């Protein structure tokens, strides 16, 4: 069964058990799955930043940034194990340019 599509009730595409099983066997699919989730996380962090007046002190944003770093590290490990990472999925396209220290207070995340 393929990945559950996003709906109005659930705006996130859910990962199925079949997706997880395939990701264990297929490094390229695993890479794409992590990239998609990282993009979604970065989009949500940026939305929160835009509507919160306390964005630099917001616990949820700090947690999201920590998770984004973990996902980025996972992508590097996956790519190092032979996943064919398409060139268009570089850090610049993942929204990393939007996550500079000045934008999210990354110096305060740790």
N, C-alpha and C. Protein backbone atom coordinates (compact mmCIF):
# COMPACT_ATOMS: atom_id res chain seq x y z
N UNK A 1 0.85 -1.18 0.00
CA UNK A 1 0.00 0.00 0.00
C UNK A 1 0.89 1.24 0.00
N UNK A 2 0.65 2.20 -0.90
CA UNK A 2 1.48 3.40 -0.96
C UNK A 2 1.17 4.36 0.18
N UNK A 3 1.97 5.36 0.27
CA UNK A 3 1.83 6.38 1.30
C UNK A 3 0.44 7.00 1.26
N UNK A 4 -0.13 7.21 2.45
CA UNK A 4 -1.45 7.82 2.56
C UNK A 4 -1.37 9.28 2.10
N UNK A 5 -2.24 9.71 1.18
CA UNK A 5 -2.19 11.10 0.72
C UNK A 5 -2.71 12.06 1.79
N UNK A 6 -2.24 13.28 1.72
CA UNK A 6 -2.71 14.32 2.64
C UNK A 6 -4.16 14.64 2.32
N UNK A 7 -4.93 14.97 3.36
CA UNK A 7 -6.32 15.34 3.20
C UNK A 7 -6.58 16.61 3.99
N UNK A 8 -7.81 17.14 3.89
CA UNK A 8 -8.14 18.33 4.66
C UNK A 8 -8.08 18.05 6.15
N UNK A 9 -8.55 16.87 6.57
CA UNK A 9 -8.54 16.51 7.98
C UNK A 9 -7.12 16.28 8.48
N UNK A 10 -6.28 15.73 7.64
CA UNK A 10 -4.90 15.43 7.99
C UNK A 10 -3.99 15.98 6.90
N UNK A 11 -3.46 17.21 7.09
CA UNK A 11 -2.69 17.86 6.03
C UNK A 11 -1.31 17.24 5.80
N UNK A 12 -0.98 16.19 6.55
CA UNK A 12 0.32 15.55 6.43
C UNK A 12 0.14 14.20 5.75
N UNK A 13 1.04 13.88 4.85
CA UNK A 13 1.03 12.57 4.22
C UNK A 13 1.60 11.56 5.21
N UNK A 14 0.78 10.60 5.62
CA UNK A 14 1.21 9.65 6.64
C UNK A 14 2.10 8.57 6.03
N UNK A 15 3.08 8.15 6.80
CA UNK A 15 3.98 7.07 6.38
C UNK A 15 3.33 5.76 6.79
N UNK A 16 3.24 4.84 5.85
CA UNK A 16 2.62 3.54 6.12
C UNK A 16 3.67 2.54 6.58
N UNK A 17 3.21 1.40 7.10
CA UNK A 17 4.12 0.32 7.47
C UNK A 17 4.90 -0.16 6.24
N UNK A 18 4.24 -0.16 5.09
CA UNK A 18 4.90 -0.58 3.86
C UNK A 18 6.03 0.39 3.48
N UNK A 19 5.78 1.69 3.71
CA UNK A 19 6.83 2.69 3.45
C UNK A 19 8.05 2.41 4.33
N UNK A 20 7.78 2.14 5.60
CA UNK A 20 8.88 1.87 6.53
C UNK A 20 9.66 0.62 6.15
N UNK A 21 8.93 -0.42 5.75
CA UNK A 21 9.59 -1.66 5.32
C UNK A 21 10.44 -1.40 4.08
N UNK A 22 9.91 -0.65 3.14
CA UNK A 22 10.67 -0.34 1.92
C UNK A 22 11.89 0.51 2.24
N UNK A 23 11.72 1.46 3.17
CA UNK A 23 12.83 2.34 3.55
C UNK A 23 13.98 1.55 4.17
N UNK A 24 13.65 0.46 4.87
CA UNK A 24 14.71 -0.37 5.46
C UNK A 24 15.54 -1.06 4.40
N UNK A 25 14.93 -1.33 3.25
CA UNK A 25 15.60 -2.08 2.19
C UNK A 25 16.17 -1.21 1.08
N UNK A 26 15.62 -0.05 0.89
CA UNK A 26 15.96 0.80 -0.26
C UNK A 26 16.52 2.14 0.21
N UNK A 27 17.85 2.30 0.20
CA UNK A 27 18.46 3.54 0.70
C UNK A 27 17.99 4.80 -0.04
N UNK A 28 17.74 4.69 -1.33
CA UNK A 28 17.29 5.87 -2.08
C UNK A 28 15.89 6.29 -1.63
N UNK A 29 15.02 5.31 -1.42
CA UNK A 29 13.67 5.61 -0.93
C UNK A 29 13.74 6.18 0.49
N UNK A 30 14.59 5.60 1.33
CA UNK A 30 14.77 6.10 2.70
C UNK A 30 15.21 7.56 2.67
N UNK A 31 16.14 7.87 1.78
CA UNK A 31 16.63 9.24 1.64
C UNK A 31 15.48 10.18 1.27
N UNK A 32 14.68 9.78 0.27
CA UNK A 32 13.56 10.61 -0.17
C UNK A 32 12.53 10.79 0.94
N UNK A 33 12.28 9.75 1.71
CA UNK A 33 11.34 9.81 2.82
C UNK A 33 11.81 10.81 3.87
N UNK A 34 13.09 10.76 4.21
CA UNK A 34 13.64 11.68 5.21
C UNK A 34 13.64 13.11 4.66
N UNK A 35 14.00 13.28 3.40
CA UNK A 35 14.00 14.61 2.78
C UNK A 35 12.59 15.22 2.83
N UNK A 36 11.60 14.43 2.49
CA UNK A 36 10.22 14.92 2.52
C UNK A 36 9.80 15.36 3.92
N UNK A 37 10.17 14.57 4.91
CA UNK A 37 9.82 14.92 6.28
C UNK A 37 10.60 16.14 6.77
N UNK A 38 11.85 16.26 6.36
CA UNK A 38 12.64 17.43 6.73
C UNK A 38 12.04 18.69 6.11
N UNK A 39 11.66 18.61 4.86
CA UNK A 39 11.04 19.76 4.19
C UNK A 39 9.76 20.18 4.92
N UNK A 40 8.94 19.19 5.26
CA UNK A 40 7.69 19.46 5.95
C UNK A 40 7.98 20.13 7.31
N UNK A 41 8.96 19.62 8.04
CA UNK A 41 9.32 20.19 9.34
C UNK A 41 9.81 21.63 9.19
N UNK A 42 10.67 21.88 8.22
CA UNK A 42 11.17 23.24 8.01
C UNK A 42 10.05 24.20 7.63
N UNK A 43 9.12 23.74 6.81
CA UNK A 43 7.96 24.58 6.44
C UNK A 43 7.16 24.94 7.68
N UNK A 44 6.93 23.96 8.55
CA UNK A 44 6.14 24.22 9.76
C UNK A 44 6.89 25.14 10.73
N UNK A 45 8.20 24.98 10.84
CA UNK A 45 9.00 25.87 11.69
C UNK A 45 8.88 27.30 11.18
N UNK A 46 9.00 27.47 9.88
CA UNK A 46 8.91 28.82 9.31
C UNK A 46 7.53 29.42 9.50
N UNK A 47 6.47 28.60 9.40
CA UNK A 47 5.11 29.10 9.65
C UNK A 47 4.97 29.55 11.10
N UNK A 48 5.50 28.76 12.02
CA UNK A 48 5.42 29.12 13.44
C UNK A 48 6.19 30.42 13.70
N UNK A 49 7.36 30.53 13.09
CA UNK A 49 8.17 31.74 13.26
C UNK A 49 7.41 32.97 12.82
N UNK A 50 6.66 32.82 11.72
CA UNK A 50 5.96 33.96 11.13
C UNK A 50 4.80 34.45 12.01
N UNK A 51 4.20 33.56 12.78
CA UNK A 51 3.02 33.96 13.55
C UNK A 51 3.30 34.14 15.04
N UNK A 52 4.47 33.80 15.50
CA UNK A 52 4.77 33.89 16.93
C UNK A 52 5.62 35.11 17.21
N UNK A 53 5.19 35.90 18.17
CA UNK A 53 5.99 37.06 18.56
C UNK A 53 7.15 36.65 19.44
N UNK A 54 7.08 35.46 20.02
CA UNK A 54 8.14 34.98 20.90
C UNK A 54 8.96 33.88 20.23
N UNK A 55 9.15 33.97 18.91
CA UNK A 55 9.79 32.90 18.15
C UNK A 55 11.16 32.52 18.68
N UNK A 56 11.94 33.47 19.18
CA UNK A 56 13.28 33.14 19.68
C UNK A 56 13.22 32.34 20.97
N UNK A 57 12.17 32.48 21.73
CA UNK A 57 12.05 31.78 23.00
C UNK A 57 11.09 30.60 22.93
N UNK A 58 10.51 30.34 21.80
CA UNK A 58 9.48 29.32 21.67
C UNK A 58 10.09 27.91 21.76
N UNK A 59 9.66 27.17 22.76
CA UNK A 59 10.17 25.82 23.00
C UNK A 59 9.90 24.90 21.80
N UNK A 60 8.72 25.02 21.21
CA UNK A 60 8.37 24.16 20.08
C UNK A 60 9.28 24.40 18.89
N UNK A 61 9.63 25.66 18.64
CA UNK A 61 10.53 25.96 17.53
C UNK A 61 11.92 25.41 17.81
N UNK A 62 12.40 25.58 19.03
CA UNK A 62 13.72 25.03 19.38
C UNK A 62 13.74 23.51 19.21
N UNK A 63 12.67 22.85 19.65
CA UNK A 63 12.59 21.39 19.49
C UNK A 63 12.55 21.02 18.00
N UNK A 64 11.82 21.79 17.21
CA UNK A 64 11.76 21.54 15.77
C UNK A 64 13.11 21.70 15.12
N UNK A 65 13.87 22.72 15.54
CA UNK A 65 15.20 22.93 14.99
C UNK A 65 16.12 21.77 15.36
N UNK A 66 16.04 21.31 16.61
CA UNK A 66 16.84 20.15 17.02
C UNK A 66 16.51 18.92 16.17
N UNK A 67 15.22 18.70 15.95
CA UNK A 67 14.81 17.57 15.12
C UNK A 67 15.29 17.74 13.68
N UNK A 68 15.23 18.95 13.16
CA UNK A 68 15.72 19.20 11.79
C UNK A 68 17.21 18.89 11.68
N UNK A 69 17.97 19.23 12.71
CA UNK A 69 19.40 18.91 12.71
C UNK A 69 19.59 17.40 12.72
N UNK A 70 18.81 16.68 13.53
CA UNK A 70 18.91 15.22 13.57
C UNK A 70 18.56 14.61 12.22
N UNK A 71 17.51 15.12 11.58
CA UNK A 71 17.14 14.62 10.25
C UNK A 71 18.24 14.91 9.23
N UNK A 72 18.85 16.08 9.32
CA UNK A 72 19.95 16.43 8.41
C UNK A 72 21.13 15.49 8.60
N UNK A 73 21.43 15.18 9.85
CA UNK A 73 22.52 14.24 10.13
C UNK A 73 22.19 12.85 9.60
N UNK A 74 20.93 12.44 9.74
CA UNK A 74 20.50 11.16 9.20
C UNK A 74 20.66 11.14 7.68
N UNK A 75 20.30 12.23 7.03
CA UNK A 75 20.46 12.31 5.56
C UNK A 75 21.93 12.15 5.18
N UNK A 76 22.81 12.76 5.94
CA UNK A 76 24.24 12.64 5.63
C UNK A 76 24.71 11.20 5.79
N UNK A 77 24.22 10.51 6.84
CA UNK A 77 24.60 9.10 7.03
C UNK A 77 24.02 8.23 5.92
N UNK A 78 22.77 8.48 5.54
CA UNK A 78 22.15 7.70 4.47
C UNK A 78 22.92 7.91 3.18
N UNK A 79 23.24 9.15 2.88
CA UNK A 79 23.95 9.46 1.64
C UNK A 79 25.33 8.83 1.65
N UNK A 80 25.95 8.75 2.80
CA UNK A 80 27.27 8.14 2.92
C UNK A 80 27.25 6.64 2.71
N UNK A 81 26.07 6.02 2.85
CA UNK A 81 25.96 4.57 2.70
C UNK A 81 25.53 4.17 1.30
N UNK A 82 25.58 5.09 0.35
CA UNK A 82 25.34 4.72 -1.04
C UNK A 82 23.99 5.08 -1.60
N UNK A 83 23.16 5.78 -0.86
CA UNK A 83 21.89 6.21 -1.45
C UNK A 83 22.20 7.20 -2.55
N UNK A 84 21.53 7.06 -3.67
CA UNK A 84 21.77 8.01 -4.74
C UNK A 84 20.92 9.24 -4.49
N UNK A 85 21.55 10.25 -3.90
CA UNK A 85 20.85 11.48 -3.57
C UNK A 85 20.87 12.39 -4.78
N UNK A 86 19.69 12.70 -5.34
CA UNK A 86 19.64 13.60 -6.50
C UNK A 86 20.24 14.95 -6.16
N UNK A 87 20.92 15.54 -7.13
CA UNK A 87 21.59 16.81 -6.92
C UNK A 87 20.67 17.94 -6.51
N UNK A 88 19.39 17.90 -6.90
CA UNK A 88 18.48 18.99 -6.58
C UNK A 88 18.05 18.99 -5.12
N UNK A 89 18.51 18.02 -4.33
CA UNK A 89 18.10 17.95 -2.94
C UNK A 89 19.17 18.48 -2.01
N UNK A 90 19.98 19.38 -2.50
CA UNK A 90 21.03 19.95 -1.66
C UNK A 90 20.46 20.78 -0.52
N UNK A 91 21.29 21.11 0.44
CA UNK A 91 20.86 21.82 1.64
C UNK A 91 20.17 23.14 1.30
N UNK A 92 20.62 23.81 0.25
CA UNK A 92 20.00 25.07 -0.11
C UNK A 92 18.53 24.93 -0.48
N UNK A 93 18.18 23.81 -1.05
CA UNK A 93 16.79 23.57 -1.43
C UNK A 93 15.94 23.03 -0.29
N UNK A 94 16.56 22.64 0.80
CA UNK A 94 15.82 22.12 1.93
C UNK A 94 15.38 23.21 2.88
N UNK A 95 15.69 24.43 2.57
CA UNK A 95 15.30 25.51 3.44
C UNK A 95 16.36 25.88 4.44
N UNK A 96 17.55 25.30 4.32
CA UNK A 96 18.60 25.60 5.28
C UNK A 96 18.96 27.07 5.26
N UNK A 97 18.82 27.70 4.11
CA UNK A 97 19.11 29.13 4.03
C UNK A 97 18.18 29.95 4.90
N UNK A 98 17.01 29.41 5.20
CA UNK A 98 16.04 30.10 6.04
C UNK A 98 16.28 29.85 7.52
N UNK A 99 17.24 29.00 7.85
CA UNK A 99 17.43 28.62 9.24
C UNK A 99 18.73 29.17 9.82
N UNK A 100 19.16 30.30 9.33
CA UNK A 100 20.38 30.89 9.87
C UNK A 100 20.20 31.34 11.30
N UNK A 101 21.30 31.57 11.97
CA UNK A 101 21.26 31.96 13.38
C UNK A 101 20.43 33.21 13.61
N UNK A 102 20.47 34.13 12.68
CA UNK A 102 19.71 35.35 12.84
C UNK A 102 18.22 35.14 12.72
N UNK A 103 17.81 34.13 11.97
CA UNK A 103 16.39 33.89 11.75
C UNK A 103 15.70 33.12 12.86
N UNK A 104 16.39 32.14 13.45
CA UNK A 104 15.75 31.30 14.44
C UNK A 104 16.44 31.35 15.80
N UNK A 105 17.47 32.13 15.92
CA UNK A 105 18.16 32.14 17.19
C UNK A 105 18.87 30.82 17.43
N UNK A 106 19.46 30.26 16.36
CA UNK A 106 20.08 28.94 16.47
C UNK A 106 21.14 28.90 17.55
N UNK A 107 21.76 30.02 17.84
CA UNK A 107 22.75 30.03 18.89
C UNK A 107 22.16 29.70 20.26
N UNK A 108 20.84 29.86 20.37
CA UNK A 108 20.16 29.60 21.63
C UNK A 108 19.48 28.23 21.66
N UNK A 109 19.62 27.45 20.58
CA UNK A 109 18.90 26.18 20.47
C UNK A 109 19.49 25.13 21.38
N UNK A 110 20.80 25.07 21.49
CA UNK A 110 21.46 23.98 22.22
C UNK A 110 21.08 23.95 23.68
